[in-house]
Protein backbone atom coordinates (compact mmCIF):
# COMPACT_ATOMS: atom_id res chain seq x y z
CA UNK A 1 0.00 0.00 0.00
CA UNK A 2 1.10 3.54 -0.66
CA UNK A 3 0.36 6.75 1.15
CA UNK A 4 -1.26 9.75 -0.52
CA UNK A 5 -1.26 13.18 1.06
CA UNK A 6 -3.76 15.74 -0.18
CA UNK A 7 -2.66 19.28 0.57
CA UNK A 8 -4.65 22.51 0.37
CA UNK A 9 -8.03 20.80 0.79
CA UNK A 10 -10.48 23.51 1.74
CA UNK A 11 -12.36 23.19 5.03
CA UNK A 12 -15.78 22.87 3.36
CA UNK A 13 -14.67 19.86 1.31
CA UNK A 14 -13.03 18.27 4.34
CA UNK A 15 -16.21 18.75 6.37
CA UNK A 16 -18.37 17.28 3.59
CA UNK A 17 -16.05 14.26 3.44
CA UNK A 18 -16.28 13.84 7.22
CA UNK A 19 -20.11 13.99 7.12
CA UNK A 20 -20.38 11.55 4.21
CA UNK A 21 -17.95 9.14 5.89
CA UNK A 22 -20.01 9.25 9.09
CA UNK A 23 -23.20 8.53 7.13
CA UNK A 24 -21.56 5.47 5.62
CA UNK A 25 -19.98 4.36 8.89
CA UNK A 26 -16.44 4.72 7.54
CA UNK A 27 -13.35 6.69 8.39
CA UNK A 28 -12.52 9.71 6.27
CA UNK A 29 -9.60 7.79 4.78
CA UNK A 30 -11.81 4.86 3.77
CA UNK A 31 -14.43 7.23 2.36
CA UNK A 32 -11.78 8.99 0.26
CA UNK A 33 -10.50 5.61 -1.01
CA UNK A 34 -14.05 4.58 -1.92
CA UNK A 35 -14.71 7.86 -3.76
CA UNK A 36 -11.45 7.62 -5.70
CA UNK A 37 -12.03 3.96 -6.57
CA UNK A 38 -15.58 4.67 -7.81
CA UNK A 39 -14.49 7.68 -9.86
CA UNK A 40 -11.71 5.72 -11.56
CA UNK A 41 -13.84 2.64 -12.23
CA UNK A 42 -16.51 4.82 -13.85
CA UNK A 43 -13.93 6.06 -16.36
CA UNK A 44 -12.77 2.58 -17.41
CA UNK A 45 -13.71 1.45 -20.93
CA UNK A 46 -16.72 -0.80 -21.21
CA UNK A 47 -16.00 -4.51 -21.58
CA UNK A 48 -15.55 -5.41 -25.22
CA UNK A 49 -14.75 -1.80 -26.12
CA UNK A 50 -18.35 -1.01 -27.05
CA UNK A 51 -19.77 2.40 -26.33
CA UNK A 52 -23.27 3.10 -25.06
CA UNK A 53 -24.73 3.73 -28.54
CA UNK A 54 -23.39 0.44 -29.86
CA UNK A 55 -24.76 -1.47 -26.87
CA UNK A 56 -28.20 0.17 -27.22
CA UNK A 57 -28.26 -0.64 -30.95
CA UNK A 58 -27.32 -4.27 -30.29
CA UNK A 59 -30.01 -4.56 -27.62
CA UNK A 60 -32.83 -3.27 -29.84
CA UNK A 61 -31.57 -4.99 -33.01
CA UNK A 62 -32.89 -8.20 -31.49
CA UNK A 63 -36.41 -6.75 -31.87
CA UNK A 64 -36.07 -6.51 -35.64
CA UNK A 65 -35.70 -2.76 -36.09
CA UNK A 66 -38.06 -0.49 -37.97
CA UNK A 67 -38.16 0.90 -41.51
CA UNK A 68 -38.80 4.63 -41.81
CA UNK A 69 -40.19 6.30 -44.92
CA UNK A 70 -38.00 9.22 -45.87
CA UNK A 71 -39.55 12.19 -47.66
CA UNK A 72 -37.95 14.96 -49.65
CA UNK A 73 -37.70 18.20 -47.69
CA UNK A 74 -39.94 20.97 -48.98
CA UNK A 75 -38.40 24.19 -50.23
CA UNK A 76 -40.53 26.35 -47.95
CA UNK A 77 -41.26 25.66 -44.31
CA UNK A 78 -44.84 25.12 -43.20
CA UNK A 79 -46.25 27.15 -40.37
PDB file of N, CA and C in Angstrom:
ATOM      1  N   UNK A   1       0.846  -1.186   0.000  1.00  0.00           N
ATOM      2  CA  UNK A   1       0.000   0.000   0.000  1.00  0.00           C
ATOM      3  C   UNK A   1       0.881   1.236   0.000  1.00  0.00           C
ATOM      4  N   UNK A   2       0.382   2.269  -0.650  1.00  0.00           N
ATOM      5  CA  UNK A   2       1.099   3.535  -0.665  1.00  0.00           C
ATOM      6  C   UNK A   2       0.317   4.575   0.126  1.00  0.00           C
ATOM      7  N   UNK A   3       0.986   5.664   0.417  1.00  0.00           N
ATOM      8  CA  UNK A   3       0.362   6.755   1.148  1.00  0.00           C
ATOM      9  C   UNK A   3       0.191   7.929   0.209  1.00  0.00           C
ATOM     10  N   UNK A   4      -0.957   8.575   0.290  1.00  0.00           N
ATOM     11  CA  UNK A   4      -1.260   9.748  -0.522  1.00  0.00           C
ATOM     12  C   UNK A   4      -1.628  10.884   0.415  1.00  0.00           C
ATOM     13  N   UNK A   5      -0.959  12.005   0.260  1.00  0.00           N
ATOM     14  CA  UNK A   5      -1.261  13.181   1.056  1.00  0.00           C
ATOM     15  C   UNK A   5      -1.935  14.202   0.150  1.00  0.00           C
ATOM     16  N   UNK A   6      -3.056  14.724   0.588  1.00  0.00           N
ATOM     17  CA  UNK A   6      -3.764  15.742  -0.184  1.00  0.00           C
ATOM     18  C   UNK A   6      -3.607  17.066   0.560  1.00  0.00           C
ATOM     19  N   UNK A   7      -2.898  17.970  -0.052  1.00  0.00           N
ATOM     20  CA  UNK A   7      -2.663  19.280   0.569  1.00  0.00           C
ATOM     21  C   UNK A   7      -3.655  20.299   0.034  1.00  0.00           C
ATOM     22  N   UNK A   8      -3.824  21.371   0.777  1.00  0.00           N
ATOM     23  CA  UNK A   8      -4.653  22.510   0.373  1.00  0.00           C
ATOM     24  C   UNK A   8      -6.114  22.122   0.114  1.00  0.00           C
ATOM     25  N   UNK A   9      -6.615  21.181   0.867  1.00  0.00           N
ATOM     26  CA  UNK A   9      -8.025  20.805   0.786  1.00  0.00           C
ATOM     27  C   UNK A   9      -8.811  21.802   1.626  1.00  0.00           C
ATOM     28  N   UNK A  10      -9.756  22.481   0.993  1.00  0.00           N
ATOM     29  CA  UNK A  10     -10.484  23.509   1.738  1.00  0.00           C
ATOM     30  C   UNK A  10     -11.341  22.885   2.843  1.00  0.00           C
ATOM     31  N   UNK A  11     -11.632  23.670   3.850  1.00  0.00           N
ATOM     32  CA  UNK A  11     -12.363  23.192   5.030  1.00  0.00           C
ATOM     33  C   UNK A  11     -13.756  22.665   4.681  1.00  0.00           C
ATOM     34  N   UNK A  12     -14.427  23.311   3.743  1.00  0.00           N
ATOM     35  CA  UNK A  12     -15.782  22.873   3.362  1.00  0.00           C
ATOM     36  C   UNK A  12     -15.742  21.452   2.790  1.00  0.00           C
ATOM     37  N   UNK A  13     -14.795  21.196   1.898  1.00  0.00           N
ATOM     38  CA  UNK A  13     -14.665  19.860   1.305  1.00  0.00           C
ATOM     39  C   UNK A  13     -14.322  18.828   2.368  1.00  0.00           C
ATOM     40  N   UNK A  14     -13.414  19.182   3.254  1.00  0.00           N
ATOM     41  CA  UNK A  14     -13.028  18.268   4.336  1.00  0.00           C
ATOM     42  C   UNK A  14     -14.235  17.947   5.218  1.00  0.00           C
ATOM     43  N   UNK A  15     -15.031  18.959   5.529  1.00  0.00           N
ATOM     44  CA  UNK A  15     -16.212  18.749   6.372  1.00  0.00           C
ATOM     45  C   UNK A  15     -17.243  17.874   5.658  1.00  0.00           C
ATOM     46  N   UNK A  16     -17.431  18.102   4.355  1.00  0.00           N
ATOM     47  CA  UNK A  16     -18.368  17.276   3.587  1.00  0.00           C
ATOM     48  C   UNK A  16     -17.904  15.819   3.564  1.00  0.00           C
ATOM     49  N   UNK A  17     -16.607  15.615   3.423  1.00  0.00           N
ATOM     50  CA  UNK A  17     -16.053  14.257   3.440  1.00  0.00           C
ATOM     51  C   UNK A  17     -16.288  13.607   4.794  1.00  0.00           C
ATOM     52  N   UNK A  18     -16.076  14.363   5.867  1.00  0.00           N
ATOM     53  CA  UNK A  18     -16.283  13.835   7.216  1.00  0.00           C
ATOM     54  C   UNK A  18     -17.747  13.429   7.413  1.00  0.00           C
ATOM     55  N   UNK A  19     -18.673  14.274   6.969  1.00  0.00           N
ATOM     56  CA  UNK A  19     -20.106  13.985   7.124  1.00  0.00           C
ATOM     57  C   UNK A  19     -20.499  12.761   6.313  1.00  0.00           C
ATOM     58  N   UNK A  20     -20.038  12.697   5.061  1.00  0.00           N
ATOM     59  CA  UNK A  20     -20.378  11.554   4.209  1.00  0.00           C
ATOM     60  C   UNK A  20     -19.794  10.265   4.771  1.00  0.00           C
ATOM     61  N   UNK A  21     -18.574  10.328   5.292  1.00  0.00           N
ATOM     62  CA  UNK A  21     -17.948   9.141   5.893  1.00  0.00           C
ATOM     63  C   UNK A  21     -18.766   8.672   7.094  1.00  0.00           C
ATOM     64  N   UNK A  22     -19.214   9.611   7.911  1.00  0.00           N
ATOM     65  CA  UNK A  22     -20.007   9.251   9.088  1.00  0.00           C
ATOM     66  C   UNK A  22     -21.326   8.602   8.664  1.00  0.00           C
ATOM     67  N   UNK A  23     -21.942   9.129   7.631  1.00  0.00           N
ATOM     68  CA  UNK A  23     -23.199   8.531   7.134  1.00  0.00           C
ATOM     69  C   UNK A  23     -23.005   7.089   6.698  1.00  0.00           C
ATOM     70  N   UNK A  24     -21.843   6.812   6.110  1.00  0.00           N
ATOM     71  CA  UNK A  24     -21.560   5.466   5.619  1.00  0.00           C
ATOM     72  C   UNK A  24     -20.867   4.587   6.652  1.00  0.00           C
ATOM     73  N   UNK A  25     -20.620   5.140   7.833  1.00  0.00           N
ATOM     74  CA  UNK A  25     -19.976   4.360   8.885  1.00  0.00           C
ATOM     75  C   UNK A  25     -18.528   4.032   8.586  1.00  0.00           C
ATOM     76  N   UNK A  26     -17.836   4.946   7.908  1.00  0.00           N
ATOM     77  CA  UNK A  26     -16.439   4.718   7.539  1.00  0.00           C
ATOM     78  C   UNK A  26     -15.573   5.860   8.068  1.00  0.00           C
ATOM     79  N   UNK A  27     -14.293   5.612   8.079  1.00  0.00           N
ATOM     80  CA  UNK A  27     -13.346   6.686   8.395  1.00  0.00           C
ATOM     81  C   UNK A  27     -13.250   7.600   7.181  1.00  0.00           C
ATOM     82  N   UNK A  28     -12.706   8.793   7.394  1.00  0.00           N
ATOM     83  CA  UNK A  28     -12.521   9.715   6.271  1.00  0.00           C
ATOM     84  C   UNK A  28     -11.558   9.121   5.242  1.00  0.00           C
ATOM     85  N   UNK A  29     -10.544   8.427   5.705  1.00  0.00           N
ATOM     86  CA  UNK A  29      -9.598   7.794   4.775  1.00  0.00           C
ATOM     87  C   UNK A  29     -10.293   6.755   3.910  1.00  0.00           C
ATOM     88  N   UNK A  30     -11.109   5.907   4.533  1.00  0.00           N
ATOM     89  CA  UNK A  30     -11.815   4.863   3.769  1.00  0.00           C
ATOM     90  C   UNK A  30     -12.813   5.485   2.807  1.00  0.00           C
ATOM     91  N   UNK A  31     -13.474   6.552   3.245  1.00  0.00           N
ATOM     92  CA  UNK A  31     -14.434   7.234   2.363  1.00  0.00           C
ATOM     93  C   UNK A  31     -13.717   7.812   1.149  1.00  0.00           C
ATOM     94  N   UNK A  32     -12.554   8.434   1.375  1.00  0.00           N
ATOM     95  CA  UNK A  32     -11.775   8.991   0.264  1.00  0.00           C
ATOM     96  C   UNK A  32     -11.328   7.888  -0.693  1.00  0.00           C
ATOM     97  N   UNK A  33     -10.893   6.745  -0.156  1.00  0.00           N
ATOM     98  CA  UNK A  33     -10.500   5.610  -1.006  1.00  0.00           C
ATOM     99  C   UNK A  33     -11.683   5.135  -1.848  1.00  0.00           C
ATOM    100  N   UNK A  34     -12.854   5.045  -1.218  1.00  0.00           N
ATOM    101  CA  UNK A  34     -14.054   4.581  -1.923  1.00  0.00           C
ATOM    102  C   UNK A  34     -14.432   5.553  -3.040  1.00  0.00           C
ATOM    103  N   UNK A  35     -14.380   6.847  -2.749  1.00  0.00           N
ATOM    104  CA  UNK A  35     -14.707   7.861  -3.758  1.00  0.00           C
ATOM    105  C   UNK A  35     -13.727   7.787  -4.925  1.00  0.00           C
ATOM    106  N   UNK A  36     -12.442   7.706  -4.634  1.00  0.00           N
ATOM    107  CA  UNK A  36     -11.447   7.622  -5.699  1.00  0.00           C
ATOM    108  C   UNK A  36     -11.623   6.358  -6.535  1.00  0.00           C
ATOM    109  N   UNK A  37     -11.838   5.234  -5.871  1.00  0.00           N
ATOM    110  CA  UNK A  37     -12.026   3.957  -6.570  1.00  0.00           C
ATOM    111  C   UNK A  37     -13.236   4.032  -7.504  1.00  0.00           C
ATOM    112  N   UNK A  38     -14.354   4.565  -7.004  1.00  0.00           N
ATOM    113  CA  UNK A  38     -15.576   4.674  -7.809  1.00  0.00           C
ATOM    114  C   UNK A  38     -15.378   5.595  -8.997  1.00  0.00           C
ATOM    115  N   UNK A  39     -14.716   6.718  -8.773  1.00  0.00           N
ATOM    116  CA  UNK A  39     -14.487   7.679  -9.859  1.00  0.00           C
ATOM    117  C   UNK A  39     -13.618   7.070 -10.953  1.00  0.00           C
ATOM    118  N   UNK A  40     -12.603   6.324 -10.569  1.00  0.00           N
ATOM    119  CA  UNK A  40     -11.713   5.725 -11.558  1.00  0.00           C
ATOM    120  C   UNK A  40     -12.366   4.559 -12.281  1.00  0.00           C
ATOM    121  N   UNK A  41     -13.153   3.761 -11.590  1.00  0.00           N
ATOM    122  CA  UNK A  41     -13.844   2.641 -12.234  1.00  0.00           C
ATOM    123  C   UNK A  41     -14.868   3.146 -13.234  1.00  0.00           C
ATOM    124  N   UNK A  42     -15.505   4.274 -12.948  1.00  0.00           N
ATOM    125  CA  UNK A  42     -16.510   4.825 -13.853  1.00  0.00           C
ATOM    126  C   UNK A  42     -15.889   5.277 -15.168  1.00  0.00           C
ATOM    127  N   UNK A  43     -14.594   5.582 -15.162  1.00  0.00           N
ATOM    128  CA  UNK A  43     -13.928   6.057 -16.362  1.00  0.00           C
ATOM    129  C   UNK A  43     -13.293   4.926 -17.172  1.00  0.00           C
ATOM    130  N   UNK A  44     -13.363   3.703 -16.699  1.00  0.00           N
ATOM    131  CA  UNK A  44     -12.765   2.584 -17.410  1.00  0.00           C
ATOM    132  C   UNK A  44     -13.598   2.250 -18.654  1.00  0.00           C
ATOM    133  N   UNK A  45     -12.953   1.817 -19.725  1.00  0.00           N
ATOM    134  CA  UNK A  45     -13.707   1.450 -20.927  1.00  0.00           C
ATOM    135  C   UNK A  45     -14.639   0.274 -20.645  1.00  0.00           C
ATOM    136  N   UNK A  46     -15.738   0.263 -21.344  1.00  0.00           N
ATOM    137  CA  UNK A  46     -16.722  -0.795 -21.206  1.00  0.00           C
ATOM    138  C   UNK A  46     -16.141  -2.096 -21.746  1.00  0.00           C
ATOM    139  N   UNK A  47     -16.483  -3.203 -21.132  1.00  0.00           N
ATOM    140  CA  UNK A  47     -15.999  -4.509 -21.578  1.00  0.00           C
ATOM    141  C   UNK A  47     -16.312  -4.693 -23.057  1.00  0.00           C
ATOM    142  N   UNK A  48     -15.353  -5.183 -23.799  1.00  0.00           N
ATOM    143  CA  UNK A  48     -15.552  -5.405 -25.221  1.00  0.00           C
ATOM    144  C   UNK A  48     -15.309  -4.144 -26.043  1.00  0.00           C
ATOM    145  N   UNK A  49     -15.031  -3.023 -25.405  1.00  0.00           N
ATOM    146  CA  UNK A  49     -14.746  -1.799 -26.118  1.00  0.00           C
ATOM    147  C   UNK A  49     -15.950  -1.152 -26.777  1.00  0.00           C
ATOM    148  N   UNK A  50     -17.151  -1.572 -26.427  1.00  0.00           N
ATOM    149  CA  UNK A  50     -18.345  -1.013 -27.046  1.00  0.00           C
ATOM    150  C   UNK A  50     -18.844   0.180 -26.253  1.00  0.00           C
ATOM    151  N   UNK A  51     -19.201   1.232 -26.962  1.00  0.00           N
ATOM    152  CA  UNK A  51     -19.771   2.402 -26.328  1.00  0.00           C
ATOM    153  C   UNK A  51     -21.256   2.207 -26.065  1.00  0.00           C
ATOM    154  N   UNK A  52     -21.854   3.173 -25.420  1.00  0.00           N
ATOM    155  CA  UNK A  52     -23.266   3.098 -25.061  1.00  0.00           C
ATOM    156  C   UNK A  52     -24.159   2.969 -26.290  1.00  0.00           C
ATOM    157  N   UNK A  53     -23.908   3.779 -27.321  1.00  0.00           N
ATOM    158  CA  UNK A  53     -24.734   3.729 -28.536  1.00  0.00           C
ATOM    159  C   UNK A  53     -24.698   2.358 -29.193  1.00  0.00           C
ATOM    160  N   UNK A  54     -23.530   1.773 -29.267  1.00  0.00           N
ATOM    161  CA  UNK A  54     -23.386   0.438 -29.864  1.00  0.00           C
ATOM    162  C   UNK A  54     -24.138  -0.609 -29.053  1.00  0.00           C
ATOM    163  N   UNK A  55     -24.049  -0.499 -27.721  1.00  0.00           N
ATOM    164  CA  UNK A  55     -24.760  -1.465 -26.873  1.00  0.00           C
ATOM    165  C   UNK A  55     -26.275  -1.305 -26.973  1.00  0.00           C
ATOM    166  N   UNK A  56     -26.754  -0.065 -27.057  1.00  0.00           N
ATOM    167  CA  UNK A  56     -28.199   0.167 -27.219  1.00  0.00           C
ATOM    168  C   UNK A  56     -28.661  -0.395 -28.554  1.00  0.00           C
ATOM    169  N   UNK A  57     -27.899  -0.126 -29.627  1.00  0.00           N
ATOM    170  CA  UNK A  57     -28.256  -0.643 -30.946  1.00  0.00           C
ATOM    171  C   UNK A  57     -28.326  -2.167 -30.939  1.00  0.00           C
ATOM    172  N   UNK A  58     -27.340  -2.804 -30.343  1.00  0.00           N
ATOM    173  CA  UNK A  58     -27.320  -4.270 -30.288  1.00  0.00           C
ATOM    174  C   UNK A  58     -28.518  -4.804 -29.511  1.00  0.00           C
ATOM    175  N   UNK A  59     -28.881  -4.126 -28.435  1.00  0.00           N
ATOM    176  CA  UNK A  59     -30.010  -4.559 -27.619  1.00  0.00           C
ATOM    177  C   UNK A  59     -31.318  -4.521 -28.421  1.00  0.00           C
ATOM    178  N   UNK A  60     -31.570  -3.411 -29.118  1.00  0.00           N
ATOM    179  CA  UNK A  60     -32.826  -3.269 -29.841  1.00  0.00           C
ATOM    180  C   UNK A  60     -32.816  -3.941 -31.210  1.00  0.00           C
ATOM    181  N   UNK A  61     -31.650  -4.282 -31.733  1.00  0.00           N
ATOM    182  CA  UNK A  61     -31.569  -4.988 -33.012  1.00  0.00           C
ATOM    183  C   UNK A  61     -32.246  -6.351 -32.901  1.00  0.00           C
ATOM    184  N   UNK A  62     -32.243  -6.908 -31.701  1.00  0.00           N
ATOM    185  CA  UNK A  62     -32.894  -8.201 -31.492  1.00  0.00           C
ATOM    186  C   UNK A  62     -34.399  -8.130 -31.726  1.00  0.00           C
ATOM    187  N   UNK A  63     -34.970  -6.919 -31.667  1.00  0.00           N
ATOM    188  CA  UNK A  63     -36.412  -6.752 -31.872  1.00  0.00           C
ATOM    189  C   UNK A  63     -36.775  -6.620 -33.340  1.00  0.00           C
ATOM    190  N   UNK A  64     -35.799  -6.547 -34.211  1.00  0.00           N
ATOM    191  CA  UNK A  64     -36.071  -6.509 -35.644  1.00  0.00           C
ATOM    192  C   UNK A  64     -35.946  -5.141 -36.276  1.00  0.00           C
ATOM    193  N   UNK A  65     -35.861  -4.092 -35.519  1.00  0.00           N
ATOM    194  CA  UNK A  65     -35.700  -2.762 -36.086  1.00  0.00           C
ATOM    195  C   UNK A  65     -36.996  -2.233 -36.675  1.00  0.00           C
ATOM    196  N   UNK A  66     -36.900  -1.118 -37.369  1.00  0.00           N
ATOM    197  CA  UNK A  66     -38.059  -0.486 -37.974  1.00  0.00           C
ATOM    198  C   UNK A  66     -37.608   0.222 -39.250  1.00  0.00           C
ATOM    199  N   UNK A  67     -38.446   0.204 -40.262  1.00  0.00           N
ATOM    200  CA  UNK A  67     -38.157   0.901 -41.507  1.00  0.00           C
ATOM    201  C   UNK A  67     -38.896   2.222 -41.508  1.00  0.00           C
ATOM    202  N   UNK A  68     -38.195   3.308 -41.775  1.00  0.00           N
ATOM    203  CA  UNK A  68     -38.798   4.630 -41.812  1.00  0.00           C
ATOM    204  C   UNK A  68     -38.892   5.104 -43.252  1.00  0.00           C
ATOM    205  N   UNK A  69     -40.008   5.731 -43.588  1.00  0.00           N
ATOM    206  CA  UNK A  69     -40.185   6.295 -44.917  1.00  0.00           C
ATOM    207  C   UNK A  69     -39.594   7.697 -44.919  1.00  0.00           C
ATOM    208  N   UNK A  70     -38.631   7.910 -45.792  1.00  0.00           N
ATOM    209  CA  UNK A  70     -37.996   9.216 -45.872  1.00  0.00           C
ATOM    210  C   UNK A  70     -38.671  10.033 -46.963  1.00  0.00           C
ATOM    211  N   UNK A  71     -38.936  11.291 -46.685  1.00  0.00           N
ATOM    212  CA  UNK A  71     -39.555  12.187 -47.657  1.00  0.00           C
ATOM    213  C   UNK A  71     -38.560  13.274 -48.033  1.00  0.00           C
ATOM    214  N   UNK A  72     -38.779  13.856 -49.217  1.00  0.00           N
ATOM    215  CA  UNK A  72     -37.945  14.962 -49.650  1.00  0.00           C
ATOM    216  C   UNK A  72     -38.319  16.207 -48.868  1.00  0.00           C
ATOM    217  N   UNK A  73     -37.360  16.968 -48.417  1.00  0.00           N
ATOM    218  CA  UNK A  73     -37.696  18.200 -47.694  1.00  0.00           C
ATOM    219  C   UNK A  73     -38.336  19.219 -48.650  1.00  0.00           C
ATOM    220  N   UNK A  74     -39.295  19.959 -48.155  1.00  0.00           N
ATOM    221  CA  UNK A  74     -39.936  20.975 -48.980  1.00  0.00           C
ATOM    222  C   UNK A  74     -39.053  22.207 -49.043  1.00  0.00           C
ATOM    223  N   UNK A  75     -39.230  23.006 -50.080  1.00  0.00           N
ATOM    224  CA  UNK A  75     -38.397  24.192 -50.230  1.00  0.00           C
ATOM    225  C   UNK A  75     -38.812  25.319 -49.307  1.00  0.00           C
ATOM    226  N   UNK A  76     -40.084  25.305 -48.870  1.00  0.00           N
ATOM    227  CA  UNK A  76     -40.531  26.352 -47.948  1.00  0.00           C
ATOM    228  C   UNK A  76     -41.100  25.702 -46.683  1.00  0.00           C
ATOM    229  N   UNK A  77     -40.752  26.250 -45.553  1.00  0.00           N
ATOM    230  CA  UNK A  77     -41.263  25.661 -44.307  1.00  0.00           C
ATOM    231  C   UNK A  77     -42.763  25.899 -44.143  1.00  0.00           C
ATOM    232  N   UNK A  78     -43.406  24.960 -43.476  1.00  0.00           N
ATOM    233  CA  UNK A  78     -44.837  25.117 -43.196  1.00  0.00           C
ATOM    234  C   UNK A  78     -45.009  25.676 -41.799  1.00  0.00           C
ATOM    235  N   UNK A  79     -45.999  26.535 -41.671  1.00  0.00           N
ATOM    236  CA  UNK A  79     -46.255  27.147 -40.366  1.00  0.00           C
ATOM    237  C   UNK A  79     -47.432  26.524 -39.686  1.00  0.00           C
TER     238      UNK A  79
END
